[in-house]
Every structure is written in structure tokens, then in C-alpha cells.
């Protein structure tokens, strides 16, 4: 499998988390808008919030294995400026042997119909000491897969 990150089509991703954040004055640069590097921090925080919510240790306390990001991207659609509140929606794709993709949509709370950025990252499960990928931890795979199954049609009886 290539490390190239391809955008997840809408049909192949599932919304798993939403995080709200305040745009800080210090997020802006000399051009008067949020610096492009800060969008990656917003997505990182959303990913960490989601992983923590599903019980994934992101601090290295999981017995020597855990997530690393091997590729990240962001498309900047509109400028963000202080002051304001944003929401970062986190989506995931189907898990592979040792990895899964995340996708994020960033939008202002006062204009949620207009995304300001879309991005994502490929998350690979690794053994930190060996610096090699390992199969996704069973408890993480179990938390990913139920969210990715299609909803069942209502019973016709």
C-alpha cells in the first residue's frame, strides 16, 4: 500500500467526532489571517480528542505501540480570521492491516455551510521501539469497524 494520501470519497468515510475550538489572536500571521501551519494543529487536536475519546493512548503509555502520522495534507478553501469559533469534523476510512485514514473538515460556527479547509492524515499503528508498523491493536480495530458498517434497513414487519 502506498503512503500517498488520497482523499476519502464521501461514501467511504464515516463521521466519528466533532471538536470546537476558539481562534486565538496568536493563530494569525503578518497577513492578518490564521497561518497555514495552524490548520494542521487544529486537525491534530481534533484527531487527538477523537483518539482519546475512543480510549486510544496517544501518549506512549499503550505498551510500546501506538499511532503515528505518516502523511498529512490540507486544502485551504477560505481564510480564517480572529475572533471566531471553529468546528473540526473528523471522519475515518476503513481500517487496513496497520493503518487508516482520517479526514477533517474545518468550518466556522457562524458559517457552518462554508468549509474553510479540508485535510487529512494517514495514521499507522507502530511499535515505537522497533520503528515498524504492526497490525492495528484489536481494541482500536473494534472501535473503528462498527462505525464503518452501513446502517441496517428498518425491519419491514
Protein backbone atom coordinates (compact mmCIF):
# COMPACT_ATOMS: atom_id res chain seq x y z
CA UNK A 1 0.00 0.00 0.00
CA UNK A 2 1.36 3.40 -0.95
CA UNK A 3 1.97 6.15 1.58
CA UNK A 4 0.35 8.57 -0.88
CA UNK A 5 -2.74 10.02 0.74
CA UNK A 6 -5.80 10.05 -1.46
CA UNK A 7 -8.90 11.99 -0.36
CA UNK A 8 -11.65 9.78 1.02
CA UNK A 9 -14.81 9.91 -1.10
CA UNK A 10 -17.90 10.75 0.97
CA UNK A 11 -19.25 7.21 0.60
CA UNK A 12 -16.06 5.74 2.10
CA UNK A 13 -15.83 7.82 5.26
CA UNK A 14 -17.76 8.00 8.49
CA UNK A 15 -18.13 10.99 10.79
CA UNK A 16 -16.73 9.96 14.17
CA UNK A 17 -16.12 13.16 16.11
CA UNK A 18 -16.60 16.92 16.24
CA UNK A 19 -14.35 19.30 18.16
CA UNK A 20 -14.91 23.02 18.75
CA UNK A 21 -12.05 25.46 19.22
CA UNK A 22 -11.55 29.18 19.63
CA UNK A 23 -9.46 31.03 17.06
CA UNK A 24 -6.71 32.70 19.07
CA UNK A 25 -5.10 36.05 18.28
CA UNK A 26 -1.73 34.27 18.13
CA UNK A 27 -3.01 31.92 15.40
CA UNK A 28 -2.79 34.78 12.91
CA UNK A 29 0.26 35.79 10.92
CA UNK A 30 1.51 39.09 9.48
CA UNK A 31 -1.04 38.83 6.64
CA UNK A 32 -3.86 39.12 9.20
CA UNK A 33 -5.29 35.63 8.78
CA UNK A 34 -4.77 32.28 10.51
CA UNK A 35 -1.38 30.92 9.43
CA UNK A 36 -1.47 27.80 7.25
CA UNK A 37 0.52 25.76 9.79
CA UNK A 38 -2.18 26.35 12.41
CA UNK A 39 -4.76 24.44 10.35
CA UNK A 40 -2.60 21.34 10.84
CA UNK A 41 -2.63 21.99 14.59
CA UNK A 42 -6.43 22.28 14.54
CA UNK A 43 -6.65 18.91 12.73
CA UNK A 44 -4.10 17.37 15.09
CA UNK A 45 -6.07 18.48 18.15
CA UNK A 46 -9.30 17.12 16.68
CA UNK A 47 -7.59 13.77 15.94
CA UNK A 48 -6.16 13.61 19.48
CA UNK A 49 -9.56 14.47 21.01
CA UNK A 50 -11.21 11.69 18.99
CA UNK A 51 -8.49 9.10 19.76
CA UNK A 52 -8.69 9.93 23.46
CA UNK A 53 -12.50 9.61 23.34
CA UNK A 54 -12.24 6.05 21.95
CA UNK A 55 -9.61 5.02 24.50
CA UNK A 56 -6.53 5.18 22.28
CA UNK A 57 -3.49 6.12 24.33
CA UNK A 58 -1.70 8.83 22.38
CA UNK A 59 0.99 9.47 25.00
CA UNK A 60 3.06 6.31 24.53
CA UNK A 61 1.52 4.57 27.55
CA UNK A 62 -0.01 1.75 25.49
CA UNK A 63 2.76 -0.80 25.97
CA UNK A 64 5.13 0.39 23.28
CA UNK A 65 2.65 0.59 20.41
CA UNK A 66 0.52 3.39 19.11
CA UNK A 67 -0.33 5.78 16.32
CA UNK A 68 1.96 7.88 14.17
CA UNK A 69 1.12 10.11 11.23
CA UNK A 70 2.96 9.23 8.02
CA UNK A 71 1.31 11.70 5.66
CA UNK A 72 -0.84 14.79 6.11
CA UNK A 73 -2.44 17.28 3.75
CA UNK A 74 -4.69 20.35 3.79
CA UNK A 75 -6.61 22.28 1.15
CA UNK A 76 -7.22 25.88 2.20
CA UNK A 77 -10.64 26.99 0.93
CA UNK A 78 -11.25 30.28 2.79
CA UNK A 79 -9.34 32.50 5.18
CA UNK A 80 -9.90 32.30 8.90
CA UNK A 81 -9.54 35.44 10.99
CA UNK A 82 -9.68 36.27 14.67
CA UNK A 83 -12.06 36.38 16.50
CA UNK A 84 -14.17 33.32 15.95
CA UNK A 85 -15.05 29.77 16.83
CA UNK A 86 -14.43 26.77 14.61
CA UNK A 87 -15.62 23.20 14.48
CA UNK A 88 -13.41 20.43 13.16
CA UNK A 89 -15.31 17.38 11.92
CA UNK A 90 -13.30 14.15 11.97
CA UNK A 91 -14.03 11.29 9.58
CA UNK A 92 -12.31 7.91 9.22
CA UNK A 93 -11.98 5.41 6.42
CA UNK A 94 -11.97 1.62 6.58
CA UNK A 95 -9.01 0.24 8.52
CA UNK A 96 -6.25 -1.66 6.75
CA UNK A 97 -3.82 -4.08 8.38
CA UNK A 98 -1.89 -1.40 10.24
CA UNK A 99 -3.38 1.90 9.15
CA UNK A 100 -6.45 4.02 8.49
CA UNK A 101 -7.12 7.42 7.01
CA UNK A 102 -8.63 10.37 8.78
CA UNK A 103 -10.24 13.32 7.08
CA UNK A 104 -11.12 16.67 8.64
CA UNK A 105 -13.43 19.48 7.63
CA UNK A 106 -12.86 22.82 9.35
CA UNK A 107 -15.68 25.34 9.43
CA UNK A 108 -16.59 28.49 11.33
CA UNK A 109 -19.51 28.07 13.71
CA UNK A 110 -21.08 31.27 12.38
CA UNK A 111 -20.96 29.92 8.78
CA UNK A 112 -21.05 26.10 9.06
CA UNK A 113 -22.27 25.63 5.49
CA UNK A 114 -18.94 27.01 4.15
CA UNK A 115 -15.92 24.83 4.93
CA UNK A 116 -12.72 26.84 5.32
CA UNK A 117 -10.37 23.86 4.93
CA UNK A 118 -10.35 20.14 4.26
CA UNK A 119 -7.48 17.87 5.12
CA UNK A 120 -6.47 14.55 6.49
CA UNK A 121 -3.76 12.20 7.60
CA UNK A 122 -2.78 8.57 7.28
CA UNK A 123 -2.46 7.02 10.74
CA UNK A 124 -0.21 3.96 11.07
CA UNK A 125 -0.01 1.76 14.15
CA UNK A 126 3.65 1.17 15.08
CA UNK A 127 5.89 -0.49 17.58
CA UNK A 128 7.81 2.53 18.87
CA UNK A 129 10.98 0.64 19.87
CA UNK A 130 11.23 -1.25 16.56
CA UNK A 131 10.06 1.75 14.50
CA UNK A 132 7.96 -0.60 12.36
CA UNK A 133 4.29 -0.87 11.56
CA UNK A 134 2.31 -3.56 13.36
CA UNK A 135 -1.30 -4.70 12.97
CA UNK A 136 -3.84 -2.31 14.44
CA UNK A 137 -4.47 -3.08 18.09
CA UNK A 138 -7.61 -5.23 18.37
CA UNK A 139 -9.32 -2.76 20.70
CA UNK A 140 -8.73 0.09 18.21
CA UNK A 141 -9.89 -2.01 15.24
CA UNK A 142 -13.03 -2.95 17.18
CA UNK A 143 -13.76 0.72 17.83
CA UNK A 144 -13.22 1.62 14.16
CA UNK A 145 -15.16 -1.14 12.42
CA UNK A 146 -18.63 -0.73 13.99
CA UNK A 147 -18.63 2.94 12.97
CA UNK A 148 -17.83 1.99 9.39
CA UNK A 149 -20.60 -0.53 8.79
CA UNK A 150 -23.55 0.61 6.72
CA UNK A 151 -26.76 1.23 8.67
CA UNK A 152 -29.24 -1.63 8.53
CA UNK A 153 -32.55 -1.15 6.73
CA UNK A 154 -35.53 -0.98 9.07
CA UNK A 155 -37.38 -4.25 9.57
CA UNK A 156 -40.36 -4.47 7.20
CA UNK A 157 -42.51 -6.44 9.64
